[in-house]
Amino acid sequence: MNSSSAAAAAGGKKGTAKAPAKKGAAADAPAEEEIVIDENEEPTEELIEVIPEPEHTENEESKKAVVLKTSCVIDFAGYECTINKIEFKPTLMYAQRTFKFTIKNTAQIDLKYNFKIANSMTGILNAGPYSIMPKKGAISPGCDDNFVVKFNPLEVDSDMSRILSANILNLDPSKEPLIIECNGIAERPVIHFELPPTTYRERKEKDMA
């Protein structure tokens, strides 16, 4: 139990401890009271924090006690996604293909995520020709969000496979991590030069003669 709770349990006396005023603050500005919560308290322990009131005049006739109640939502993060593999069609160098998918938040708290792209063979972070938007953010309870994966090869490589993983804060231990396998093939373009006819060979033979 913290100091304020102890004071309340002992007799409902108001706590007088105040945090030091911030530098540069006005002299007449009220100092902020630092609230410290002891994580070892029993969950059913009543926690009372007293905040000093501004100057006022009490009216004894209208004075009454009001009970304030608070509530909170406690849950693990959860998601719903039907995609676990993305296969891109053969793509020319410096060209681009995209794939869109959706993630739904099935929990009662915000789903906070951060995507990372790693080499599927070594496990080392290496996005290669892939990118995802948005890369990090949060999805509200019961809502969903759209994501776009881009495949933009700049060179032909024999291994274009990557692992797209979402680090989800406070994910339900019973749920599998969100991992999507990405595969693509890069191709070099075939270049053809269309040149007008020339008589260079005939002229060169005459010059040599």
C-alpha atoms as a PDB file:
ATOM      1  CA  MET A   1       0.000   0.000   0.000  1.00  0.00           C
ATOM      2  CA  ASN A   2       1.409   3.454  -0.867  1.00  0.00           C
ATOM      3  CA  SER A   3       1.652   6.413   1.497  1.00  0.00           C
ATOM      4  CA  SER A   4      -1.638   8.000   0.349  1.00  0.00           C
ATOM      5  CA  SER A   5      -3.546   4.727   0.816  1.00  0.00           C
ATOM      6  CA  ALA A   6      -2.051   4.269   4.269  1.00  0.00           C
ATOM      7  CA  ALA A   7      -3.152   7.765   5.239  1.00  0.00           C
ATOM      8  CA  ALA A   8      -6.672   7.078   4.002  1.00  0.00           C
ATOM      9  CA  ALA A   9      -6.873   3.762   5.898  1.00  0.00           C
ATOM     10  CA  ALA A  10      -5.561   5.333   9.105  1.00  0.00           C
ATOM     11  CA  GLY A  11      -8.278   7.945   9.310  1.00  0.00           C
ATOM     12  CA  GLY A  12      -8.980   9.551   5.980  1.00  0.00           C
ATOM     13  CA  LYS A  13      -6.433  12.335   6.468  1.00  0.00           C
ATOM     14  CA  LYS A  14      -5.402  14.159   3.363  1.00  0.00           C
ATOM     15  CA  GLY A  15      -1.845  13.685   2.112  1.00  0.00           C
ATOM     16  CA  THR A  16       0.240  16.837   2.034  1.00  0.00           C
ATOM     17  CA  ALA A  17       3.342  15.633   0.165  1.00  0.00           C
ATOM     18  CA  LYS A  18       3.893  17.592  -3.033  1.00  0.00           C
ATOM     19  CA  ALA A  19       6.386  17.205  -5.872  1.00  0.00           C
ATOM     20  CA  PRO A  20       8.870  20.111  -6.329  1.00  0.00           C
ATOM     21  CA  ALA A  21       7.680  22.775  -8.767  1.00  0.00           C
ATOM     22  CA  LYS A  22       9.138  22.632 -12.287  1.00  0.00           C
ATOM     23  CA  LYS A  23      11.774  25.167 -13.266  1.00  0.00           C
ATOM     24  CA  GLY A  24      10.431  28.149 -15.154  1.00  0.00           C
ATOM     25  CA  ALA A  25       6.874  27.681 -13.828  1.00  0.00           C
ATOM     26  CA  ALA A  26       4.962  30.652 -12.505  1.00  0.00           C
ATOM     27  CA  ALA A  27       5.329  31.303  -8.800  1.00  0.00           C
ATOM     28  CA  ASP A  28       1.592  31.154  -8.227  1.00  0.00           C
ATOM     29  CA  ALA A  29       1.073  27.944 -10.262  1.00  0.00           C
ATOM     30  CA  PRO A  30       0.032  24.956  -8.093  1.00  0.00           C
ATOM     31  CA  ALA A  31       2.637  22.209  -7.787  1.00  0.00           C
ATOM     32  CA  GLU A  32       1.764  18.830  -9.316  1.00  0.00           C
ATOM     33  CA  GLU A  33       1.335  15.941  -6.925  1.00  0.00           C
ATOM     34  CA  GLU A  34       3.244  12.811  -7.846  1.00  0.00           C
ATOM     35  CA  ILE A  35       1.075   9.679  -7.682  1.00  0.00           C
ATOM     36  CA  VAL A  36       2.879   6.406  -7.026  1.00  0.00           C
ATOM     37  CA  ILE A  37       1.023   3.102  -7.226  1.00  0.00           C
ATOM     38  CA  ASP A  38       2.340   0.086  -5.388  1.00  0.00           C
ATOM     39  CA  GLU A  39       2.013  -2.956  -7.669  1.00  0.00           C
ATOM     40  CA  ASN A  40       2.115  -5.267  -4.620  1.00  0.00           C
ATOM     41  CA  GLU A  41      -1.228  -4.046  -3.306  1.00  0.00           C
ATOM     42  CA  GLU A  42      -4.159  -6.424  -3.100  1.00  0.00           C
ATOM     43  CA  PRO A  43      -6.488  -5.988  -6.107  1.00  0.00           C
ATOM     44  CA  THR A  44      -9.457  -5.375  -3.788  1.00  0.00           C
ATOM     45  CA  GLU A  45      -7.678  -2.677  -1.761  1.00  0.00           C
ATOM     46  CA  GLU A  46      -9.387   0.700  -2.029  1.00  0.00           C
ATOM     47  CA  LEU A  47      -6.958   3.230  -3.456  1.00  0.00           C
ATOM     48  CA  ILE A  48      -7.615   6.850  -2.555  1.00  0.00           C
ATOM     49  CA  GLU A  49      -5.497   9.642  -3.970  1.00  0.00           C
ATOM     50  CA  VAL A  50      -6.170  13.153  -2.675  1.00  0.00           C
ATOM     51  CA  ILE A  51      -5.512  16.155  -4.946  1.00  0.00           C
ATOM     52  CA  PRO A  52      -5.450  19.573  -3.253  1.00  0.00           C
ATOM     53  CA  GLU A  53      -8.439  21.696  -4.218  1.00  0.00           C
ATOM     54  CA  PRO A  54      -8.112  25.322  -5.388  1.00  0.00           C
ATOM     55  CA  GLU A  55      -9.138  28.144  -3.083  1.00  0.00           C
ATOM     56  CA  HIS A  56     -12.875  28.132  -2.501  1.00  0.00           C
ATOM     57  CA  THR A  57     -15.631  28.824   0.029  1.00  0.00           C
ATOM     58  CA  GLU A  58     -17.644  25.854   1.298  1.00  0.00           C
ATOM     59  CA  ASN A  59     -21.426  25.974   1.506  1.00  0.00           C
ATOM     60  CA  GLU A  60     -22.358  23.723   4.401  1.00  0.00           C
ATOM     61  CA  GLU A  61     -26.010  23.553   3.324  1.00  0.00           C
ATOM     62  CA  SER A  62     -25.248  22.058  -0.107  1.00  0.00           C
ATOM     63  CA  LYS A  63     -22.292  19.961   0.990  1.00  0.00           C
ATOM     64  CA  LYS A  64     -22.659  16.233   0.240  1.00  0.00           C
ATOM     65  CA  ALA A  65     -20.521  13.140  -0.374  1.00  0.00           C
ATOM     66  CA  VAL A  66     -20.382  11.653  -3.880  1.00  0.00           C
ATOM     67  CA  VAL A  67     -19.024   8.189  -4.659  1.00  0.00           C
ATOM     68  CA  LEU A  68     -17.068   7.956  -7.907  1.00  0.00           C
ATOM     69  CA  LYS A  69     -16.611   4.610  -9.617  1.00  0.00           C
ATOM     70  CA  THR A  70     -14.078   3.670 -12.280  1.00  0.00           C
ATOM     71  CA  SER A  71     -13.736   0.701 -14.599  1.00  0.00           C
ATOM     72  CA  CYS A  72     -11.035  -0.746 -16.839  1.00  0.00           C
ATOM     73  CA  VAL A  73     -10.750  -3.367 -19.570  1.00  0.00           C
ATOM     74  CA  ILE A  74      -8.096  -6.070 -19.232  1.00  0.00           C
ATOM     75  CA  ASP A  75      -7.453  -8.370 -22.182  1.00  0.00           C
ATOM     76  CA  PHE A  76      -4.751  -9.967 -24.314  1.00  0.00           C
ATOM     77  CA  ALA A  77      -4.224  -8.733 -27.866  1.00  0.00           C
ATOM     78  CA  GLY A  78      -5.848 -10.889 -30.548  1.00  0.00           C
ATOM     79  CA  TYR A  79      -6.079 -10.754 -34.329  1.00  0.00           C
ATOM     80  CA  GLU A  80      -7.754 -12.348 -37.340  1.00  0.00           C
ATOM     81  CA  CYS A  81      -5.882 -12.674 -40.652  1.00  0.00           C
ATOM     82  CA  THR A  82      -6.566 -15.168 -43.447  1.00  0.00           C
ATOM     83  CA  ILE A  83      -3.207 -14.647 -45.211  1.00  0.00           C
ATOM     84  CA  ASN A  84      -0.097 -16.664 -44.366  1.00  0.00           C
ATOM     85  CA  LYS A  85       1.646 -16.724 -47.762  1.00  0.00           C
ATOM     86  CA  ILE A  86       2.069 -14.239 -50.622  1.00  0.00           C
ATOM     87  CA  GLU A  87       3.225 -15.365 -54.087  1.00  0.00           C
ATOM     88  CA  PHE A  88       4.152 -12.598 -56.527  1.00  0.00           C
ATOM     89  CA  LYS A  89       4.098 -13.258 -60.281  1.00  0.00           C
ATOM     90  CA  PRO A  90       7.388 -12.878 -62.231  1.00  0.00           C
ATOM     91  CA  THR A  91       8.276  -9.188 -62.172  1.00  0.00           C
ATOM     92  CA  LEU A  92      10.716  -7.242 -64.344  1.00  0.00           C
ATOM     93  CA  MET A  93      13.577  -5.410 -62.669  1.00  0.00           C
ATOM     94  CA  TYR A  94      12.593  -1.885 -61.543  1.00  0.00           C
ATOM     95  CA  ALA A  95       8.927  -2.773 -61.952  1.00  0.00           C
ATOM     96  CA  GLN A  96       6.560  -3.199 -59.000  1.00  0.00           C
ATOM     97  CA  ARG A  97       3.731  -5.449 -57.863  1.00  0.00           C
ATOM     98  CA  THR A  98       1.522  -5.015 -54.790  1.00  0.00           C
ATOM     99  CA  PHE A  99      -0.591  -7.268 -52.594  1.00  0.00           C
ATOM    100  CA  LYS A 100      -3.266  -6.056 -50.162  1.00  0.00           C
ATOM    101  CA  PHE A 101      -4.515  -7.921 -47.071  1.00  0.00           C
ATOM    102  CA  THR A 102      -6.508  -7.124 -43.917  1.00  0.00           C
ATOM    103  CA  ILE A 103      -5.898  -7.638 -40.195  1.00  0.00           C
ATOM    104  CA  LYS A 104      -8.810  -7.440 -37.739  1.00  0.00           C
ATOM    105  CA  ASN A 105      -8.473  -6.729 -34.022  1.00  0.00           C
ATOM    106  CA  THR A 106     -10.579  -9.313 -32.176  1.00  0.00           C
ATOM    107  CA  ALA A 107      -9.621  -8.163 -28.659  1.00  0.00           C
ATOM    108  CA  GLN A 108     -11.060  -5.494 -26.368  1.00  0.00           C
ATOM    109  CA  ILE A 109      -7.817  -3.495 -26.269  1.00  0.00           C
ATOM    110  CA  ASP A 110      -5.749  -1.761 -28.941  1.00  0.00           C
ATOM    111  CA  LEU A 111      -3.695  -4.055 -31.162  1.00  0.00           C
ATOM    112  CA  LYS A 112      -0.224  -2.483 -31.346  1.00  0.00           C
ATOM    113  CA  TYR A 113       2.017  -3.950 -34.061  1.00  0.00           C
ATOM    114  CA  ASN A 114       5.425  -3.498 -35.659  1.00  0.00           C
ATOM    115  CA  PHE A 115       6.319  -5.422 -38.837  1.00  0.00           C
ATOM    116  CA  LYS A 116       9.782  -6.808 -39.555  1.00  0.00           C
ATOM    117  CA  ILE A 117      11.082  -8.512 -42.715  1.00  0.00           C
ATOM    118  CA  ALA A 118      13.803 -11.157 -42.438  1.00  0.00           C
ATOM    119  CA  ASN A 119      15.651 -13.535 -44.749  1.00  0.00           C
ATOM    120  CA  SER A 120      13.853 -16.876 -44.650  1.00  0.00           C
ATOM    121  CA  MET A 121      17.138 -18.820 -44.802  1.00  0.00           C
ATOM    122  CA  THR A 122      19.294 -16.920 -42.298  1.00  0.00           C
ATOM    123  CA  GLY A 123      16.689 -15.188 -40.118  1.00  0.00           C
ATOM    124  CA  ILE A 124      18.652 -11.923 -40.413  1.00  0.00           C
ATOM    125  CA  LEU A 125      16.621  -8.737 -40.848  1.00  0.00           C
ATOM    126  CA  ASN A 126      16.808  -7.988 -44.576  1.00  0.00           C
ATOM    127  CA  ALA A 127      13.796  -6.604 -46.426  1.00  0.00           C
ATOM    128  CA  GLY A 128      15.359  -7.098 -49.863  1.00  0.00           C
ATOM    129  CA  PRO A 129      12.847  -6.139 -52.587  1.00  0.00           C
ATOM    130  CA  TYR A 130       9.883  -6.105 -50.162  1.00  0.00           C
ATOM    131  CA  SER A 131       8.220  -3.366 -48.132  1.00  0.00           C
ATOM    132  CA  ILE A 132       4.962  -3.021 -46.181  1.00  0.00           C
ATOM    133  CA  MET A 133       2.734  -0.048 -45.415  1.00  0.00           C
ATOM    134  CA  PRO A 134       1.879   0.799 -42.712  1.00  0.00           C
ATOM    135  CA  LYS A 135       4.890  -0.722 -40.957  1.00  0.00           C
ATOM    136  CA  LYS A 136       3.805   0.061 -37.392  1.00  0.00           C
ATOM    137  CA  GLY A 137       0.735   1.390 -35.634  1.00  0.00           C
ATOM    138  CA  ALA A 138      -2.338   0.330 -33.672  1.00  0.00           C
ATOM    139  CA  ILE A 139      -5.790  -1.040 -34.514  1.00  0.00           C
ATOM    140  CA  SER A 140      -8.757  -0.147 -32.287  1.00  0.00           C
ATOM    141  CA  PRO A 141     -10.847  -2.930 -30.677  1.00  0.00           C
ATOM    142  CA  GLY A 142     -13.238  -4.572 -33.131  1.00  0.00           C
ATOM    143  CA  CYS A 143     -11.790  -2.663 -36.094  1.00  0.00           C
ATOM    144  CA  ASP A 144      -9.615  -3.741 -39.016  1.00  0.00           C
ATOM    145  CA  ASP A 145      -6.889  -2.180 -41.122  1.00  0.00           C
ATOM    146  CA  ASN A 146      -5.576  -2.735 -44.654  1.00  0.00           C
ATOM    147  CA  PHE A 147      -1.916  -3.424 -45.406  1.00  0.00           C
ATOM    148  CA  VAL A 148      -0.030  -3.286 -48.707  1.00  0.00           C
ATOM    149  CA  VAL A 149       3.060  -5.407 -49.428  1.00  0.00           C
ATOM    150  CA  LYS A 150       5.212  -4.179 -52.346  1.00  0.00           C
ATOM    151  CA  PHE A 151       7.588  -6.302 -54.440  1.00  0.00           C
ATOM    152  CA  ASN A 152      10.090  -4.080 -56.248  1.00  0.00           C
ATOM    153  CA  PRO A 153      13.164  -6.074 -57.432  1.00  0.00           C
ATOM    154  CA  LEU A 154      16.241  -4.117 -58.503  1.00  0.00           C
ATOM    155  CA  GLU A 155      18.331  -7.176 -59.381  1.00  0.00           C
ATOM    156  CA  VAL A 156      17.822 -10.820 -60.310  1.00  0.00           C
ATOM    157  CA  ASP A 157      18.493 -13.052 -57.314  1.00  0.00           C
ATOM    158  CA  SER A 158      18.045 -16.788 -56.898  1.00  0.00           C
ATOM    159  CA  ASP A 159      16.579 -16.313 -53.392  1.00  0.00           C
ATOM    160  CA  MET A 160      13.761 -13.786 -53.214  1.00  0.00           C
ATOM    161  CA  SER A 161      11.933 -15.405 -50.287  1.00  0.00           C
ATOM    162  CA  ARG A 162      11.374 -13.390 -47.101  1.00  0.00           C
ATOM    163  CA  ILE A 163       9.503 -13.774 -43.814  1.00  0.00           C
ATOM    164  CA  LEU A 164       7.124 -10.957 -42.851  1.00  0.00           C
ATOM    165  CA  SER A 165       6.459 -11.077 -39.106  1.00  0.00           C
ATOM    166  CA  ALA A 166       4.292  -8.813 -36.960  1.00  0.00           C
ATOM    167  CA  ASN A 167       5.481  -8.126 -33.424  1.00  0.00           C
ATOM    168  CA  ILE A 168       2.195  -7.695 -31.535  1.00  0.00           C
ATOM    169  CA  LEU A 169       2.298  -6.216 -28.031  1.00  0.00           C
ATOM    170  CA  ASN A 170       0.720  -8.416 -25.327  1.00  0.00           C
ATOM    171  CA  LEU A 171      -0.374 -11.100 -27.806  1.00  0.00           C
ATOM    172  CA  ASP A 172      -2.564 -13.837 -26.338  1.00  0.00           C
ATOM    173  CA  PRO A 173      -0.221 -16.764 -25.453  1.00  0.00           C
ATOM    174  CA  SER A 174      -2.738 -19.176 -26.981  1.00  0.00           C
ATOM    175  CA  LYS A 175      -2.485 -17.523 -30.423  1.00  0.00           C
ATOM    176  CA  GLU A 176       0.239 -18.143 -32.995  1.00  0.00           C
ATOM    177  CA  PRO A 177       2.425 -15.165 -33.964  1.00  0.00           C
ATOM    178  CA  LEU A 178       1.423 -13.494 -37.225  1.00  0.00           C
ATOM    179  CA  ILE A 179       3.984 -14.660 -39.821  1.00  0.00           C
ATOM    180  CA  ILE A 180       3.545 -14.307 -43.598  1.00  0.00           C
ATOM    181  CA  GLU A 181       5.855 -15.951 -46.145  1.00  0.00           C
ATOM    182  CA  CYS A 182       6.647 -13.807 -49.204  1.00  0.00           C
ATOM    183  CA  ASN A 183       7.985 -15.192 -52.494  1.00  0.00           C
ATOM    184  CA  GLY A 184       8.679 -13.518 -55.829  1.00  0.00           C
ATOM    185  CA  ILE A 185      10.645 -13.945 -59.056  1.00  0.00           C
ATOM    186  CA  ALA A 186      12.639 -11.162 -60.717  1.00  0.00           C
ATOM    187  CA  GLU A 187      13.325 -11.153 -64.464  1.00  0.00           C
ATOM    188  CA  ARG A 188      15.720  -9.165 -66.626  1.00  0.00           C
ATOM    189  CA  PRO A 189      14.009  -7.304 -69.473  1.00  0.00           C
ATOM    190  CA  VAL A 190      14.760  -8.340 -73.089  1.00  0.00           C
ATOM    191  CA  ILE A 191      15.977  -5.239 -74.913  1.00  0.00           C
ATOM    192  CA  HIS A 192      15.689  -4.927 -78.727  1.00  0.00           C
ATOM    193  CA  PHE A 193      17.257  -2.026 -80.649  1.00  0.00           C
ATOM    194  CA  GLU A 194      15.470  -1.089 -83.896  1.00  0.00           C
ATOM    195  CA  LEU A 195      18.104   0.510 -86.226  1.00  0.00           C
ATOM    196  CA  PRO A 196      17.584   1.894 -89.746  1.00  0.00           C
ATOM    197  CA  PRO A 197      19.302   0.065 -92.682  1.00  0.00           C
ATOM    198  CA  THR A 198      22.886   1.139 -93.466  1.00  0.00           C
ATOM    199  CA  THR A 199      25.285   0.846 -96.449  1.00  0.00           C
ATOM    200  CA  TYR A 200      28.375   1.018 -94.241  1.00  0.00           C
ATOM    201  CA  ARG A 201      29.684  -2.393 -95.356  1.00  0.00           C
ATOM    202  CA  GLU A 202      29.471  -1.600 -99.080  1.00  0.00           C
ATOM    203  CA  ARG A 203      31.108   1.785 -98.585  1.00  0.00           C
ATOM    204  CA  LYS A 204      33.873   0.236 -96.484  1.00  0.00           C
ATOM    205  CA  GLU A 205      34.693  -2.325 -99.210  1.00  0.00           C
ATOM    206  CA  LYS A 206      34.992   0.448-101.817  1.00  0.00           C
ATOM    207  CA  ASP A 207      37.335   2.419 -99.570  1.00  0.00           C
ATOM    208  CA  MET A 208      39.562  -0.641 -99.029  1.00  0.00           C
ATOM    209  CA  ALA A 209      39.726  -1.295-102.801  1.00  0.00           C
END
